[in-house]
Amino acid sequence: MAQFVNALGFSVGNLSQGDVVLLHGAEQLAPGIKQYVRDVFDQLNDNGVSVVFIYNSIDRMLTDRGFNQFESSDYTLLGGMTKSTIADYEDLLKQEVPIALKTLLEHKEKCRYYLRRGFDNLVFSSDIQMGFKC
């Protein structure tokens, strides 16, 4: 964690408007540093730097809501969900997901994604040929 904190501190002074920070493995952060990281990300955001939280699990992203504040993000990009995860998602957003959208969200396909931006919803399949099967 110390290397991460040092790198994050370095980024504050070297990133500027239009830059993007990708936090891959956000669920791996130690609870003791999350508030510090959140404060730094807020400072970066105030300076026009965007932050992307990447989680290995939608359930972990939902559980970590206090840290990532996903419900107020510019957009979220998610994979398939279970009925239980969809219900948790609705509860946290305080908004019911339409039945047609729930049907599209409940899946285990590797290459189908859900993009939410404000009140816009889009479900799409990736058909980019990158040498892997979907």
C-alpha atoms as a PDB file:
ATOM      1  CA  MET A   1       0.000   0.000   0.000  1.00  0.00           C
ATOM      2  CA  ALA A   2       2.879   2.401   0.681  1.00  0.00           C
ATOM      3  CA  GLN A   3       3.951   2.355  -2.978  1.00  0.00           C
ATOM      4  CA  PHE A   4       0.395   3.109  -4.036  1.00  0.00           C
ATOM      5  CA  VAL A   5       0.111   6.025  -1.601  1.00  0.00           C
ATOM      6  CA  ASN A   6       3.454   7.420  -2.822  1.00  0.00           C
ATOM      7  CA  ALA A   7       2.416   7.121  -6.472  1.00  0.00           C
ATOM      8  CA  LEU A   8      -0.911   8.764  -5.713  1.00  0.00           C
ATOM      9  CA  GLY A   9       0.810  11.634  -3.913  1.00  0.00           C
ATOM     10  CA  PHE A  10       3.121  12.095  -6.892  1.00  0.00           C
ATOM     11  CA  SER A  11       0.149  12.193  -9.253  1.00  0.00           C
ATOM     12  CA  VAL A  12      -1.501  15.097  -7.461  1.00  0.00           C
ATOM     13  CA  GLY A  13       1.301  17.432  -8.449  1.00  0.00           C
ATOM     14  CA  ASN A  14       1.784  16.085 -11.956  1.00  0.00           C
ATOM     15  CA  LEU A  15      -1.680  15.539 -13.397  1.00  0.00           C
ATOM     16  CA  SER A  16      -3.702  18.305 -14.962  1.00  0.00           C
ATOM     17  CA  GLN A  17      -7.063  18.982 -16.529  1.00  0.00           C
ATOM     18  CA  GLY A  18      -8.040  16.305 -19.028  1.00  0.00           C
ATOM     19  CA  ASP A  19      -5.843  13.581 -17.509  1.00  0.00           C
ATOM     20  CA  VAL A  20      -7.350  10.294 -16.306  1.00  0.00           C
ATOM     21  CA  VAL A  21      -6.379   8.107 -13.327  1.00  0.00           C
ATOM     22  CA  LEU A  22      -7.302   4.407 -13.597  1.00  0.00           C
ATOM     23  CA  LEU A  23      -7.609   2.570 -10.288  1.00  0.00           C
ATOM     24  CA  HIS A  24      -7.567  -1.101 -11.269  1.00  0.00           C
ATOM     25  CA  GLY A  25      -8.367  -3.445  -8.398  1.00  0.00           C
ATOM     26  CA  ALA A  26     -10.204  -0.820  -6.356  1.00  0.00           C
ATOM     27  CA  GLU A  27     -11.554  -3.544  -4.071  1.00  0.00           C
ATOM     28  CA  GLN A  28      -7.974  -4.332  -2.989  1.00  0.00           C
ATOM     29  CA  LEU A  29      -7.418  -1.009  -1.194  1.00  0.00           C
ATOM     30  CA  ALA A  30      -6.918  -1.309   2.552  1.00  0.00           C
ATOM     31  CA  PRO A  31      -9.829   0.237   4.466  1.00  0.00           C
ATOM     32  CA  GLY A  32      -7.424   2.442   6.435  1.00  0.00           C
ATOM     33  CA  ILE A  33      -6.364   4.461   3.382  1.00  0.00           C
ATOM     34  CA  LYS A  34      -9.689   4.772   1.557  1.00  0.00           C
ATOM     35  CA  GLN A  35     -10.592   8.151   3.045  1.00  0.00           C
ATOM     36  CA  TYR A  36      -7.174   9.551   2.118  1.00  0.00           C
ATOM     37  CA  VAL A  37      -7.524   8.184  -1.425  1.00  0.00           C
ATOM     38  CA  ARG A  38     -11.075   9.586  -1.695  1.00  0.00           C
ATOM     39  CA  ASP A  39      -9.821  13.013  -0.578  1.00  0.00           C
ATOM     40  CA  VAL A  40      -7.010  12.936  -3.164  1.00  0.00           C
ATOM     41  CA  PHE A  41      -9.437  11.863  -5.904  1.00  0.00           C
ATOM     42  CA  ASP A  42     -11.780  14.711  -4.951  1.00  0.00           C
ATOM     43  CA  GLN A  43      -8.853  17.135  -5.203  1.00  0.00           C
ATOM     44  CA  LEU A  44      -7.879  15.715  -8.603  1.00  0.00           C
ATOM     45  CA  ASN A  45     -11.478  15.965  -9.772  1.00  0.00           C
ATOM     46  CA  ASP A  46     -11.576  19.619  -8.720  1.00  0.00           C
ATOM     47  CA  ASN A  47      -8.529  20.113 -10.975  1.00  0.00           C
ATOM     48  CA  GLY A  48     -10.290  18.536 -13.968  1.00  0.00           C
ATOM     49  CA  VAL A  49      -8.691  15.092 -13.638  1.00  0.00           C
ATOM     50  CA  SER A  50     -11.055  12.147 -14.151  1.00  0.00           C
ATOM     51  CA  VAL A  51     -10.898   8.995 -12.051  1.00  0.00           C
ATOM     52  CA  VAL A  52     -11.924   5.517 -13.212  1.00  0.00           C
ATOM     53  CA  PHE A  53     -12.616   2.826 -10.603  1.00  0.00           C
ATOM     54  CA  ILE A  54     -12.185  -0.716 -11.952  1.00  0.00           C
ATOM     55  CA  TYR A  55     -13.632  -3.557  -9.879  1.00  0.00           C
ATOM     56  CA  ASN A  56     -13.400  -7.290 -10.447  1.00  0.00           C
ATOM     57  CA  SER A  57     -16.942  -7.749  -9.160  1.00  0.00           C
ATOM     58  CA  ILE A  58     -20.117  -5.693  -9.436  1.00  0.00           C
ATOM     59  CA  ASP A  59     -21.113  -6.840  -5.948  1.00  0.00           C
ATOM     60  CA  ARG A  60     -17.844  -5.464  -4.550  1.00  0.00           C
ATOM     61  CA  MET A  61     -18.404  -2.191  -6.386  1.00  0.00           C
ATOM     62  CA  LEU A  62     -21.861  -1.907  -4.820  1.00  0.00           C
ATOM     63  CA  THR A  63     -20.505  -2.746  -1.354  1.00  0.00           C
ATOM     64  CA  ASP A  64     -17.780  -0.113  -1.773  1.00  0.00           C
ATOM     65  CA  ARG A  65     -20.273   2.626  -2.652  1.00  0.00           C
ATOM     66  CA  GLY A  66     -19.122   4.919   0.157  1.00  0.00           C
ATOM     67  CA  PHE A  67     -15.698   5.038  -1.456  1.00  0.00           C
ATOM     68  CA  ASN A  68     -16.427   5.016  -5.192  1.00  0.00           C
ATOM     69  CA  GLN A  69     -19.696   6.987  -5.100  1.00  0.00           C
ATOM     70  CA  PHE A  70     -20.728   5.201  -8.304  1.00  0.00           C
ATOM     71  CA  GLU A  71     -24.278   6.546  -8.224  1.00  0.00           C
ATOM     72  CA  SER A  72     -22.999  10.088  -8.862  1.00  0.00           C
ATOM     73  CA  SER A  73     -20.389   9.123 -11.458  1.00  0.00           C
ATOM     74  CA  ASP A  74     -20.457  10.466 -14.995  1.00  0.00           C
ATOM     75  CA  TYR A  75     -21.105   6.924 -16.184  1.00  0.00           C
ATOM     76  CA  THR A  76     -20.816   3.287 -15.173  1.00  0.00           C
ATOM     77  CA  LEU A  77     -19.954   0.329 -17.367  1.00  0.00           C
ATOM     78  CA  LEU A  78     -20.999  -3.037 -15.957  1.00  0.00           C
ATOM     79  CA  GLY A  79     -21.230  -6.652 -17.058  1.00  0.00           C
ATOM     80  CA  GLY A  80     -23.958  -9.184 -16.309  1.00  0.00           C
ATOM     81  CA  MET A  81     -25.708  -9.344 -12.955  1.00  0.00           C
ATOM     82  CA  THR A  82     -27.738 -11.790 -10.911  1.00  0.00           C
ATOM     83  CA  LYS A  83     -31.304 -10.997  -9.800  1.00  0.00           C
ATOM     84  CA  SER A  84     -29.964 -10.294  -6.326  1.00  0.00           C
ATOM     85  CA  THR A  85     -27.313  -7.890  -7.633  1.00  0.00           C
ATOM     86  CA  ILE A  86     -29.906  -6.079  -9.760  1.00  0.00           C
ATOM     87  CA  ALA A  87     -32.097  -5.677  -6.657  1.00  0.00           C
ATOM     88  CA  ASP A  88     -29.142  -4.282  -4.671  1.00  0.00           C
ATOM     89  CA  TYR A  89     -28.311  -1.948  -7.572  1.00  0.00           C
ATOM     90  CA  GLU A  90     -31.894  -0.635  -7.623  1.00  0.00           C
ATOM     91  CA  ASP A  91     -31.880  -0.109  -3.854  1.00  0.00           C
ATOM     92  CA  LEU A  92     -28.639   1.874  -3.941  1.00  0.00           C
ATOM     93  CA  LEU A  93     -29.773   4.021  -6.875  1.00  0.00           C
ATOM     94  CA  LYS A  94     -33.209   4.454  -5.275  1.00  0.00           C
ATOM     95  CA  GLN A  95     -34.606   3.849  -8.721  1.00  0.00           C
ATOM     96  CA  GLU A  96     -36.384   0.883 -10.270  1.00  0.00           C
ATOM     97  CA  VAL A  97     -34.778  -0.661 -13.330  1.00  0.00           C
ATOM     98  CA  PRO A  98     -37.363  -1.266 -16.100  1.00  0.00           C
ATOM     99  CA  ILE A  99     -38.326  -4.926 -16.644  1.00  0.00           C
ATOM    100  CA  ALA A 100     -36.956  -4.957 -20.206  1.00  0.00           C
ATOM    101  CA  LEU A 101     -33.595  -3.688 -18.952  1.00  0.00           C
ATOM    102  CA  LYS A 102     -33.534  -6.197 -16.068  1.00  0.00           C
ATOM    103  CA  THR A 103     -33.975  -8.973 -18.616  1.00  0.00           C
ATOM    104  CA  LEU A 104     -30.937  -7.730 -20.539  1.00  0.00           C
ATOM    105  CA  LEU A 105     -28.834  -7.238 -17.394  1.00  0.00           C
ATOM    106  CA  GLU A 106     -29.369 -10.701 -15.967  1.00  0.00           C
ATOM    107  CA  HIS A 107     -26.811 -12.784 -17.878  1.00  0.00           C
ATOM    108  CA  LYS A 108     -23.392 -14.425 -17.702  1.00  0.00           C
ATOM    109  CA  GLU A 109     -22.139 -13.493 -21.161  1.00  0.00           C
ATOM    110  CA  LYS A 110     -18.541 -12.295 -21.226  1.00  0.00           C
ATOM    111  CA  CYS A 111     -18.997  -9.646 -23.888  1.00  0.00           C
ATOM    112  CA  ARG A 112     -22.338  -7.975 -23.085  1.00  0.00           C
ATOM    113  CA  TYR A 113     -22.133  -4.703 -21.189  1.00  0.00           C
ATOM    114  CA  TYR A 114     -24.426  -2.169 -19.587  1.00  0.00           C
ATOM    115  CA  LEU A 115     -23.587   1.529 -19.891  1.00  0.00           C
ATOM    116  CA  ARG A 116     -25.438   3.947 -17.621  1.00  0.00           C
ATOM    117  CA  ARG A 117     -24.936   7.666 -18.025  1.00  0.00           C
ATOM    118  CA  GLY A 118     -27.351   9.729 -15.982  1.00  0.00           C
ATOM    119  CA  PHE A 119     -30.743   8.459 -17.045  1.00  0.00           C
ATOM    120  CA  ASP A 120     -29.526   6.956 -20.325  1.00  0.00           C
ATOM    121  CA  ASN A 121     -29.149   3.188 -20.445  1.00  0.00           C
ATOM    122  CA  LEU A 122     -27.464   1.180 -23.162  1.00  0.00           C
ATOM    123  CA  VAL A 123     -26.826  -2.557 -23.352  1.00  0.00           C
ATOM    124  CA  PHE A 124     -24.403  -3.686 -26.027  1.00  0.00           C
ATOM    125  CA  SER A 125     -22.272  -6.626 -27.066  1.00  0.00           C
ATOM    126  CA  SER A 126     -18.635  -6.215 -27.907  1.00  0.00           C
ATOM    127  CA  ASP A 127     -17.738  -7.634 -31.285  1.00  0.00           C
ATOM    128  CA  ILE A 128     -14.180  -6.364 -31.455  1.00  0.00           C
ATOM    129  CA  GLN A 129     -11.901  -9.052 -32.841  1.00  0.00           C
ATOM    130  CA  MET A 130      -8.988  -9.193 -30.421  1.00  0.00           C
ATOM    131  CA  GLY A 131      -8.162 -12.869 -30.531  1.00  0.00           C
ATOM    132  CA  PHE A 132     -10.515 -14.001 -27.784  1.00  0.00           C
ATOM    133  CA  LYS A 133     -13.907 -15.651 -27.928  1.00  0.00           C
ATOM    134  CA  CYS A 134     -16.971 -14.047 -26.432  1.00  0.00           C
END
